[in-house]
Amino acid sequence: MRWAGREHGRAARGRFLTGPALAVLPGLAAGLAAVPAAADPDLAMLPRGAVLAAICGRPADREAGTCRMRDGRTAEFWTAAMFSTETGSWFTGFVTMPAPGEDAAAPDRRSVAAATYALKDMRWRLEGVQVLSGRIGTGNRNGGAPEVDERLGAVFRPLSRGRLLMGLRLTVYGTAGSQGFSFLLLQFRDAPARWALAGEVAAGADETAGCAENPCRLGSSTGRLEILPEDPRDPAAWPPVRVTLSGTVLGADGTLRPAKDRDARVHRFDPAAGAYR
């Protein structure tokens, strides 16, 4: 398993896993300027079946990694994260399902639900289950959830007032083998334990699979997310984030060139829209 939060403005570390790879892990990592709850070196993340059962309120199909919501929608296990804030250590499992009104067989948008647990007396205690407001796009033509990049991991930054900002690296597959990369931003508050979708920021693309000429004139770039420090003048605000690119991009004149510092973008949270812009 891999460390998460490696690109977070030197802030924090966490654990991050997708799919069925939920297993026994080393102890919890420290949060920003905080003393996390003591962690057994063999503390285990909860199995996906437990997460699904908590969210659906009924036993899960453990082999398929799904459960049936009360409204009849099929929820699929998506990803999980273990992290620390200044108030303690936490585990959250996420599932996705077709958004209301979408074609269940091939939706264009999906809803996200979460089960969040706090570490108390060296055991995970369920703190809350929620369906997050808003929707996310799908990751392919079949309507599945976007692929979470476990290899590179999520980006975490614990914040003041028991909050945390997390960026999930997503991959979406397009036509002719193209791939689009982005970070889905999620905001966490610990009292009560709640998550909020906070928008998606672009983080490069790989169009080279569609090359019909040599040398290829299509770009291939990936983005690095940095969650910047909080503004001490406004501790209740969510911090800005910066995405820098590496690889190759198309310039304004259509010429392929290396990505440069000027291609970096800073995104700020817009409270009115509830998303980073």
C-alpha atoms as a PDB file:
ATOM      1  CA  MET A   1       0.000   0.000   0.000  1.00  0.00           C
ATOM      2  CA  ARG A   2       1.152   3.558  -0.619  1.00  0.00           C
ATOM      3  CA  TRP A   3       1.427   6.796   1.244  1.00  0.00           C
ATOM      4  CA  ALA A   4      -1.032   9.467   0.252  1.00  0.00           C
ATOM      5  CA  GLY A   5      -0.733  13.186   0.606  1.00  0.00           C
ATOM      6  CA  ARG A   6       2.713  13.480  -0.875  1.00  0.00           C
ATOM      7  CA  GLU A   7       1.836  16.687  -2.731  1.00  0.00           C
ATOM      8  CA  HIS A   8       0.038  18.848  -0.243  1.00  0.00           C
ATOM      9  CA  GLY A   9       2.221  21.840   0.602  1.00  0.00           C
ATOM     10  CA  ARG A  10       4.232  19.762   3.117  1.00  0.00           C
ATOM     11  CA  ALA A  11       1.195  19.379   5.300  1.00  0.00           C
ATOM     12  CA  ALA A  12       0.025  15.888   6.163  1.00  0.00           C
ATOM     13  CA  ARG A  13      -0.009  12.224   5.405  1.00  0.00           C
ATOM     14  CA  GLY A  14      -2.837   9.737   5.177  1.00  0.00           C
ATOM     15  CA  ARG A  15      -3.760   6.315   3.851  1.00  0.00           C
ATOM     16  CA  PHE A  16      -5.647   5.855   0.659  1.00  0.00           C
ATOM     17  CA  LEU A  17      -6.983   2.738  -1.045  1.00  0.00           C
ATOM     18  CA  THR A  18      -9.398   1.863  -3.822  1.00  0.00           C
ATOM     19  CA  GLY A  19     -11.427  -1.142  -4.820  1.00  0.00           C
ATOM     20  CA  PRO A  20     -10.970  -4.397  -2.941  1.00  0.00           C
ATOM     21  CA  ALA A  21      -7.482  -3.593  -1.671  1.00  0.00           C
ATOM     22  CA  LEU A  22      -8.599  -2.809   1.876  1.00  0.00           C
ATOM     23  CA  ALA A  23      -6.203  -4.608   4.168  1.00  0.00           C
ATOM     24  CA  VAL A  24      -4.152  -4.313   7.347  1.00  0.00           C
ATOM     25  CA  LEU A  25      -1.946  -1.247   7.203  1.00  0.00           C
ATOM     26  CA  PRO A  26       0.783   0.336   9.283  1.00  0.00           C
ATOM     27  CA  GLY A  27      -0.247   2.909  11.866  1.00  0.00           C
ATOM     28  CA  LEU A  28      -2.000   6.169  11.188  1.00  0.00           C
ATOM     29  CA  ALA A  29       0.085   9.119  10.086  1.00  0.00           C
ATOM     30  CA  ALA A  30       0.362  12.421  11.879  1.00  0.00           C
ATOM     31  CA  GLY A  31      -1.738  15.445  11.005  1.00  0.00           C
ATOM     32  CA  LEU A  32      -0.643  19.050  10.715  1.00  0.00           C
ATOM     33  CA  ALA A  33       0.570  20.433  14.044  1.00  0.00           C
ATOM     34  CA  ALA A  34      -1.630  17.927  15.840  1.00  0.00           C
ATOM     35  CA  VAL A  35      -1.205  14.926  18.077  1.00  0.00           C
ATOM     36  CA  PRO A  36      -3.296  12.175  16.464  1.00  0.00           C
ATOM     37  CA  ALA A  37      -4.949   9.395  18.386  1.00  0.00           C
ATOM     38  CA  ALA A  38      -2.553   6.629  19.259  1.00  0.00           C
ATOM     39  CA  ALA A  39      -2.537   3.946  16.575  1.00  0.00           C
ATOM     40  CA  ASP A  40      -1.728   0.284  16.742  1.00  0.00           C
ATOM     41  CA  PRO A  41       0.974  -0.573  14.179  1.00  0.00           C
ATOM     42  CA  ASP A  42      -1.400  -3.164  12.692  1.00  0.00           C
ATOM     43  CA  LEU A  43      -4.533  -1.023  12.661  1.00  0.00           C
ATOM     44  CA  ALA A  44      -6.785  -2.183   9.836  1.00  0.00           C
ATOM     45  CA  MET A  45      -8.998  -0.197   7.561  1.00  0.00           C
ATOM     46  CA  LEU A  46     -12.559  -1.452   7.509  1.00  0.00           C
ATOM     47  CA  PRO A  47     -13.487  -3.920   4.761  1.00  0.00           C
ATOM     48  CA  ARG A  48     -15.569  -2.558   1.922  1.00  0.00           C
ATOM     49  CA  GLY A  49     -18.470  -4.827   2.911  1.00  0.00           C
ATOM     50  CA  ALA A  50     -18.788  -2.977   6.220  1.00  0.00           C
ATOM     51  CA  VAL A  51     -18.780   0.382   4.434  1.00  0.00           C
ATOM     52  CA  LEU A  52     -21.447  -0.735   1.970  1.00  0.00           C
ATOM     53  CA  ALA A  53     -23.645  -2.161   4.724  1.00  0.00           C
ATOM     54  CA  ALA A  54     -23.402   1.062   6.738  1.00  0.00           C
ATOM     55  CA  ILE A  55     -24.401   3.185   3.744  1.00  0.00           C
ATOM     56  CA  CYS A  56     -27.197   0.981   2.411  1.00  0.00           C
ATOM     57  CA  GLY A  57     -28.475  -0.150   5.796  1.00  0.00           C
ATOM     58  CA  ARG A  58     -28.506  -3.774   4.658  1.00  0.00           C
ATOM     59  CA  PRO A  59     -25.947  -6.516   3.930  1.00  0.00           C
ATOM     60  CA  ALA A  60     -23.739  -5.972   0.914  1.00  0.00           C
ATOM     61  CA  ASP A  61     -22.935  -8.278  -1.950  1.00  0.00           C
ATOM     62  CA  ARG A  62     -19.322  -8.660  -0.925  1.00  0.00           C
ATOM     63  CA  GLU A  63     -18.249 -10.476  -4.064  1.00  0.00           C
ATOM     64  CA  ALA A  64     -19.652  -7.777  -6.369  1.00  0.00           C
ATOM     65  CA  GLY A  65     -18.716  -4.891  -4.077  1.00  0.00           C
ATOM     66  CA  THR A  66     -22.238  -3.454  -4.250  1.00  0.00           C
ATOM     67  CA  CYS A  67     -25.334  -2.938  -2.148  1.00  0.00           C
ATOM     68  CA  ARG A  68     -28.896  -1.821  -2.803  1.00  0.00           C
ATOM     69  CA  MET A  69     -29.913   1.616  -1.548  1.00  0.00           C
ATOM     70  CA  ARG A  70     -33.365   2.065  -0.053  1.00  0.00           C
ATOM     71  CA  ASP A  71     -34.485   3.859  -3.203  1.00  0.00           C
ATOM     72  CA  GLY A  72     -33.434   0.880  -5.325  1.00  0.00           C
ATOM     73  CA  ARG A  73     -30.214   2.287  -6.767  1.00  0.00           C
ATOM     74  CA  THR A  74     -27.142   0.050  -6.804  1.00  0.00           C
ATOM     75  CA  ALA A  75     -24.232   1.524  -4.845  1.00  0.00           C
ATOM     76  CA  GLU A  76     -20.706   0.466  -5.799  1.00  0.00           C
ATOM     77  CA  PHE A  77     -17.672   0.713  -3.560  1.00  0.00           C
ATOM     78  CA  TRP A  78     -15.353   3.416  -4.902  1.00  0.00           C
ATOM     79  CA  THR A  79     -12.461   4.334  -2.604  1.00  0.00           C
ATOM     80  CA  ALA A  80     -11.434   4.799   1.024  1.00  0.00           C
ATOM     81  CA  ALA A  81      -9.088   7.040   2.988  1.00  0.00           C
ATOM     82  CA  MET A  82      -7.575   7.015   6.471  1.00  0.00           C
ATOM     83  CA  PHE A  83      -6.314  10.363   7.725  1.00  0.00           C
ATOM     84  CA  SER A  84      -5.752  12.569  10.760  1.00  0.00           C
ATOM     85  CA  THR A  85      -6.908  16.048  11.708  1.00  0.00           C
ATOM     86  CA  GLU A  86      -6.090  18.159  14.733  1.00  0.00           C
ATOM     87  CA  THR A  87      -8.993  16.459  16.540  1.00  0.00           C
ATOM     88  CA  GLY A  88      -8.168  12.812  15.888  1.00  0.00           C
ATOM     89  CA  SER A  89      -7.929  10.002  13.364  1.00  0.00           C
ATOM     90  CA  TRP A  90     -10.574   9.102  10.835  1.00  0.00           C
ATOM     91  CA  PHE A  91     -11.557   6.578   8.200  1.00  0.00           C
ATOM     92  CA  THR A  92     -14.031   7.191   5.378  1.00  0.00           C
ATOM     93  CA  GLY A  93     -15.304   4.802   2.751  1.00  0.00           C
ATOM     94  CA  PHE A  94     -16.950   6.196  -0.383  1.00  0.00           C
ATOM     95  CA  VAL A  95     -19.430   4.608  -2.770  1.00  0.00           C
ATOM     96  CA  THR A  96     -21.041   5.888  -5.946  1.00  0.00           C
ATOM     97  CA  MET A  97     -24.388   5.201  -7.597  1.00  0.00           C
ATOM     98  CA  PRO A  98     -26.330   6.519 -10.597  1.00  0.00           C
ATOM     99  CA  ALA A  99     -27.574  10.018  -9.841  1.00  0.00           C
ATOM    100  CA  PRO A 100     -31.361  10.426  -9.491  1.00  0.00           C
ATOM    101  CA  GLY A 101     -33.071  10.555 -12.855  1.00  0.00           C
ATOM    102  CA  GLU A 102     -30.144   8.984 -14.707  1.00  0.00           C
ATOM    103  CA  ASP A 103     -30.260   5.785 -16.744  1.00  0.00           C
ATOM    104  CA  ALA A 104     -29.218   3.171 -14.184  1.00  0.00           C
ATOM    105  CA  ALA A 105     -27.495   1.080 -16.860  1.00  0.00           C
ATOM    106  CA  ALA A 106     -25.366   3.900 -18.307  1.00  0.00           C
ATOM    107  CA  PRO A 107     -25.638   7.113 -16.275  1.00  0.00           C
ATOM    108  CA  ASP A 108     -23.938  10.350 -17.256  1.00  0.00           C
ATOM    109  CA  ARG A 109     -23.693  11.533 -13.642  1.00  0.00           C
ATOM    110  CA  ARG A 110     -23.221   9.724 -10.358  1.00  0.00           C
ATOM    111  CA  SER A 111     -23.968  10.472  -6.710  1.00  0.00           C
ATOM    112  CA  VAL A 112     -21.403   9.920  -3.955  1.00  0.00           C
ATOM    113  CA  ALA A 113     -22.145   8.592  -0.464  1.00  0.00           C
ATOM    114  CA  ALA A 114     -19.782   8.255   2.496  1.00  0.00           C
ATOM    115  CA  ALA A 115     -19.524   6.386   5.773  1.00  0.00           C
ATOM    116  CA  THR A 116     -17.147   8.101   8.209  1.00  0.00           C
ATOM    117  CA  TYR A 117     -15.622   6.525  11.315  1.00  0.00           C
ATOM    118  CA  ALA A 118     -13.586   7.983  14.192  1.00  0.00           C
ATOM    119  CA  LEU A 119     -10.862   6.093  16.010  1.00  0.00           C
ATOM    120  CA  LYS A 120     -12.002   5.689  19.640  1.00  0.00           C
ATOM    121  CA  ASP A 121     -10.502   3.243  22.114  1.00  0.00           C
ATOM    122  CA  MET A 122      -8.523   1.748  19.220  1.00  0.00           C
ATOM    123  CA  ARG A 123     -11.696   0.862  17.325  1.00  0.00           C
ATOM    124  CA  TRP A 124     -13.459   2.479  14.378  1.00  0.00           C
ATOM    125  CA  ARG A 125     -16.748   3.963  15.550  1.00  0.00           C
ATOM    126  CA  LEU A 126     -19.312   5.023  12.955  1.00  0.00           C
ATOM    127  CA  GLU A 127     -19.797   8.782  13.168  1.00  0.00           C
ATOM    128  CA  GLY A 128     -22.027   9.439  10.184  1.00  0.00           C
ATOM    129  CA  VAL A 129     -23.460   8.261   6.868  1.00  0.00           C
ATOM    130  CA  GLN A 130     -24.393  10.729   4.163  1.00  0.00           C
ATOM    131  CA  VAL A 131     -25.188  11.141   0.495  1.00  0.00           C
ATOM    132  CA  LEU A 132     -23.130  14.140  -0.567  1.00  0.00           C
ATOM    133  CA  SER A 133     -24.885  17.030  -2.273  1.00  0.00           C
ATOM    134  CA  GLY A 134     -23.980  17.393  -5.928  1.00  0.00           C
ATOM    135  CA  ARG A 135     -22.870  14.903  -8.541  1.00  0.00           C
ATOM    136  CA  ILE A 136     -19.716  13.748 -10.284  1.00  0.00           C
ATOM    137  CA  GLY A 137     -19.174  12.793 -13.907  1.00  0.00           C
ATOM    138  CA  THR A 138     -18.644   9.248 -15.055  1.00  0.00           C
ATOM    139  CA  GLY A 139     -15.321   7.780 -16.078  1.00  0.00           C
ATOM    140  CA  ASN A 140     -16.276   6.037 -19.314  1.00  0.00           C
ATOM    141  CA  ARG A 141     -19.094   5.417 -21.756  1.00  0.00           C
ATOM    142  CA  ASN A 142     -20.479   2.634 -19.566  1.00  0.00           C
ATOM    143  CA  GLY A 143     -21.368   5.119 -16.840  1.00  0.00           C
ATOM    144  CA  GLY A 144     -18.953   3.811 -14.199  1.00  0.00           C
ATOM    145  CA  ALA A 145     -17.301   6.039 -11.620  1.00  0.00           C
ATOM    146  CA  PRO A 146     -14.069   7.827 -12.597  1.00  0.00           C
ATOM    147  CA  GLU A 147     -10.958   5.806 -11.846  1.00  0.00           C
ATOM    148  CA  VAL A 148      -9.165   6.893  -8.684  1.00  0.00           C
ATOM    149  CA  ASP A 149      -5.387   6.847  -9.100  1.00  0.00           C
ATOM    150  CA  GLU A 150      -4.159   4.723  -6.203  1.00  0.00           C
ATOM    151  CA  ARG A 151      -0.598   4.639  -7.519  1.00  0.00           C
ATOM    152  CA  LEU A 152      -0.058   8.367  -7.051  1.00  0.00           C
ATOM    153  CA  GLY A 153      -2.458   8.667  -4.128  1.00  0.00           C
ATOM    154  CA  ALA A 154      -4.733  11.367  -2.792  1.00  0.00           C
ATOM    155  CA  VAL A 155      -3.584  14.759  -1.535  1.00  0.00           C
ATOM    156  CA  PHE A 156      -4.499  15.795   2.015  1.00  0.00           C
ATOM    157  CA  ARG A 157      -4.123  18.924   4.096  1.00  0.00           C
ATOM    158  CA  PRO A 158      -5.485  19.120   7.659  1.00  0.00           C
ATOM    159  CA  LEU A 159      -6.808  22.592   8.465  1.00  0.00           C
ATOM    160  CA  SER A 160      -7.833  24.562  11.529  1.00  0.00           C
ATOM    161  CA  ARG A 161     -11.166  23.932  13.274  1.00  0.00           C
ATOM    162  CA  GLY A 162     -11.053  20.181  12.676  1.00  0.00           C
ATOM    163  CA  ARG A 163     -11.300  20.488   8.911  1.00  0.00           C
ATOM    164  CA  LEU A 164      -9.445  18.772   6.090  1.00  0.00           C
ATOM    165  CA  LEU A 165      -9.215  19.279   2.336  1.00  0.00           C
ATOM    166  CA  MET A 166      -8.627  16.231   0.134  1.00  0.00           C
ATOM    167  CA  GLY A 167      -7.917  15.974  -3.583  1.00  0.00           C
ATOM    168  CA  LEU A 168      -8.660  12.679  -5.326  1.00  0.00           C
ATOM    169  CA  ARG A 169      -6.757  12.046  -8.539  1.00  0.00           C
ATOM    170  CA  LEU A 170      -9.244  10.945 -11.213  1.00  0.00           C
ATOM    171  CA  THR A 171      -8.821   9.523 -14.693  1.00  0.00           C
ATOM    172  CA  VAL A 172     -11.557   9.691 -17.322  1.00  0.00           C
ATOM    173  CA  TYR A 173     -11.280   7.675 -20.533  1.00  0.00           C
ATOM    174  CA  GLY A 174     -12.388   9.245 -23.813  1.00  0.00           C
ATOM    175  CA  THR A 175     -12.402   8.330 -27.463  1.00  0.00           C
ATOM    176  CA  ALA A 176      -9.422   6.805 -29.294  1.00  0.00           C
ATOM    177  CA  GLY A 177      -7.749   5.920 -26.002  1.00  0.00           C
ATOM    178  CA  SER A 178      -7.455   9.496 -24.731  1.00  0.00           C
ATOM    179  CA  GLN A 179      -7.307  10.138 -20.995  1.00  0.00           C
ATOM    180  CA  GLY A 180      -8.277  13.209 -19.011  1.00  0.00           C
ATOM    181  CA  PHE A 181      -6.870  13.852 -15.530  1.00  0.00           C
ATOM    182  CA  SER A 182      -8.348  15.947 -12.743  1.00  0.00           C
ATOM    183  CA  PHE A 183      -8.559  16.355  -8.984  1.00  0.00           C
ATOM    184  CA  LEU A 184     -11.907  16.037  -7.258  1.00  0.00           C
ATOM    185  CA  LEU A 185     -11.800  18.261  -4.175  1.00  0.00           C
ATOM    186  CA  LEU A 186     -13.643  17.225  -1.030  1.00  0.00           C
ATOM    187  CA  GLN A 187     -14.015  19.193   2.203  1.00  0.00           C
ATOM    188  CA  PHE A 188     -14.249  17.450   5.577  1.00  0.00           C
ATOM    189  CA  ARG A 189     -15.576  18.843   8.865  1.00  0.00           C
ATOM    190  CA  ASP A 190     -15.392  16.854  12.067  1.00  0.00           C
ATOM    191  CA  ALA A 191     -18.329  18.262  14.072  1.00  0.00           C
ATOM    192  CA  PRO A 192     -20.457  16.662  12.890  1.00  0.00           C
ATOM    193  CA  ALA A 193     -18.420  14.416  10.617  1.00  0.00           C
ATOM    194  CA  ARG A 194     -19.482  15.585   7.155  1.00  0.00           C
ATOM    195  CA  TRP A 195     -18.038  15.721   3.642  1.00  0.00           C
ATOM    196  CA  ALA A 196     -18.850  18.118   0.830  1.00  0.00           C
ATOM    197  CA  LEU A 197     -17.991  17.949  -2.858  1.00  0.00           C
ATOM    198  CA  ALA A 198     -16.056  21.118  -3.701  1.00  0.00           C
ATOM    199  CA  GLY A 199     -15.589  20.896  -7.449  1.00  0.00           C
ATOM    200  CA  GLU A 200     -13.116  19.405  -9.861  1.00  0.00           C
ATOM    201  CA  VAL A 201      -9.970  21.014 -11.281  1.00  0.00           C
ATOM    202  CA  ALA A 202      -8.266  19.939 -14.495  1.00  0.00           C
ATOM    203  CA  ALA A 203      -4.856  18.291 -14.187  1.00  0.00           C
ATOM    204  CA  GLY A 204      -3.630  17.426 -17.657  1.00  0.00           C
ATOM    205  CA  ALA A 205      -4.513  14.974 -20.416  1.00  0.00           C
ATOM    206  CA  ASP A 206      -2.924  12.312 -22.562  1.00  0.00           C
ATOM    207  CA  GLU A 207      -4.037  12.462 -26.186  1.00  0.00           C
ATOM    208  CA  THR A 208      -1.117  10.521 -27.651  1.00  0.00           C
ATOM    209  CA  ALA A 209      -3.073   7.300 -28.148  1.00  0.00           C
ATOM    210  CA  GLY A 210      -4.821   9.037 -31.043  1.00  0.00           C
ATOM    211  CA  CYS A 211      -1.611   9.944 -32.868  1.00  0.00           C
ATOM    212  CA  ALA A 212      -1.671   9.153 -36.570  1.00  0.00           C
ATOM    213  CA  GLU A 213       1.699  10.693 -37.398  1.00  0.00           C
ATOM    214  CA  ASN A 214       5.295  10.506 -36.229  1.00  0.00           C
ATOM    215  CA  PRO A 215       6.460  12.546 -34.448  1.00  0.00           C
ATOM    216  CA  CYS A 216       3.215  12.832 -32.508  1.00  0.00           C
ATOM    217  CA  ARG A 217       1.841  16.354 -32.243  1.00  0.00           C
ATOM    218  CA  LEU A 218      -0.625  15.625 -29.475  1.00  0.00           C
ATOM    219  CA  GLY A 219       0.165  16.484 -25.875  1.00  0.00           C
ATOM    220  CA  SER A 220       0.641  14.296 -22.821  1.00  0.00           C
ATOM    221  CA  SER A 221       0.664  16.079 -19.459  1.00  0.00           C
ATOM    222  CA  THR A 222      -0.083  15.295 -15.839  1.00  0.00           C
ATOM    223  CA  GLY A 223      -0.870  17.683 -13.016  1.00  0.00           C
ATOM    224  CA  ARG A 224       0.466  18.005  -9.477  1.00  0.00           C
ATOM    225  CA  LEU A 225      -1.903  19.390  -6.841  1.00  0.00           C
ATOM    226  CA  GLU A 226      -0.657  21.561  -4.000  1.00  0.00           C
ATOM    227  CA  ILE A 227      -3.057  22.668  -1.288  1.00  0.00           C
ATOM    228  CA  LEU A 228      -1.767  26.051  -0.216  1.00  0.00           C
ATOM    229  CA  PRO A 229      -1.662  27.321   3.392  1.00  0.00           C
ATOM    230  CA  GLU A 230      -4.685  28.881   5.052  1.00  0.00           C
ATOM    231  CA  ASP A 231      -5.034  32.655   5.221  1.00  0.00           C
ATOM    232  CA  PRO A 232      -4.421  33.561   8.910  1.00  0.00           C
ATOM    233  CA  ARG A 233      -6.640  36.608   8.424  1.00  0.00           C
ATOM    234  CA  ASP A 234      -9.594  34.376   7.554  1.00  0.00           C
ATOM    235  CA  PRO A 235      -9.188  31.015   9.316  1.00  0.00           C
ATOM    236  CA  ALA A 236     -12.734  29.933   8.418  1.00  0.00           C
ATOM    237  CA  ALA A 237     -12.010  30.141   4.672  1.00  0.00           C
ATOM    238  CA  TRP A 238     -10.896  27.187   2.587  1.00  0.00           C
ATOM    239  CA  PRO A 239      -7.364  27.562   1.205  1.00  0.00           C
ATOM    240  CA  PRO A 240      -6.554  27.940  -2.495  1.00  0.00           C
ATOM    241  CA  VAL A 241      -5.067  25.083  -4.491  1.00  0.00           C
ATOM    242  CA  ARG A 242      -2.501  25.149  -7.290  1.00  0.00           C
ATOM    243  CA  VAL A 243      -2.130  22.715 -10.183  1.00  0.00           C
ATOM    244  CA  THR A 244       1.202  22.590 -12.022  1.00  0.00           C
ATOM    245  CA  LEU A 245       1.720  20.565 -15.191  1.00  0.00           C
ATOM    246  CA  SER A 246       4.561  18.405 -16.423  1.00  0.00           C
ATOM    247  CA  GLY A 247       4.883  16.860 -19.858  1.00  0.00           C
ATOM    248  CA  THR A 248       3.838  18.450 -23.134  1.00  0.00           C
ATOM    249  CA  VAL A 249       0.938  20.755 -24.044  1.00  0.00           C
ATOM    250  CA  LEU A 250      -0.273  22.528 -27.155  1.00  0.00           C
ATOM    251  CA  GLY A 251       0.621  26.213 -27.260  1.00  0.00           C
ATOM    252  CA  ALA A 252      -1.697  28.991 -28.422  1.00  0.00           C
ATOM    253  CA  ASP A 253      -0.295  28.612 -31.929  1.00  0.00           C
ATOM    254  CA  GLY A 254      -1.042  24.872 -31.972  1.00  0.00           C
ATOM    255  CA  THR A 255       2.608  23.885 -31.568  1.00  0.00           C
ATOM    256  CA  LEU A 256       3.528  21.147 -29.124  1.00  0.00           C
ATOM    257  CA  ARG A 257       5.798  22.435 -26.356  1.00  0.00           C
ATOM    258  CA  PRO A 258       6.959  21.470 -22.862  1.00  0.00           C
ATOM    259  CA  ALA A 259       4.687  22.524 -20.016  1.00  0.00           C
ATOM    260  CA  LYS A 260       6.001  25.606 -18.215  1.00  0.00           C
ATOM    261  CA  ASP A 261       5.425  27.514 -14.997  1.00  0.00           C
ATOM    262  CA  ARG A 262       2.988  29.788 -16.779  1.00  0.00           C
ATOM    263  CA  ASP A 263       0.711  26.805 -17.333  1.00  0.00           C
ATOM    264  CA  ALA A 264       0.131  26.483 -13.586  1.00  0.00           C
ATOM    265  CA  ARG A 265      -3.313  27.478 -12.326  1.00  0.00           C
ATOM    266  CA  VAL A 266      -4.446  28.632  -8.883  1.00  0.00           C
ATOM    267  CA  HIS A 267      -8.041  27.822  -7.956  1.00  0.00           C
ATOM    268  CA  ARG A 268      -9.944  29.492  -5.124  1.00  0.00           C
ATOM    269  CA  PHE A 269     -13.047  28.311  -3.330  1.00  0.00           C
ATOM    270  CA  ASP A 270     -16.190  30.197  -4.271  1.00  0.00           C
ATOM    271  CA  PRO A 271     -18.596  29.937  -1.303  1.00  0.00           C
ATOM    272  CA  ALA A 272     -21.555  31.047  -3.408  1.00  0.00           C
ATOM    273  CA  ALA A 273     -20.987  28.253  -5.928  1.00  0.00           C
ATOM    274  CA  GLY A 274     -19.740  25.760  -3.346  1.00  0.00           C
ATOM    275  CA  ALA A 275     -16.821  24.868  -5.601  1.00  0.00           C
ATOM    276  CA  TYR A 276     -13.266  25.749  -6.524  1.00  0.00           C
ATOM    277  CA  ARG A 277     -12.976  27.975  -9.595  1.00  0.00           C
END
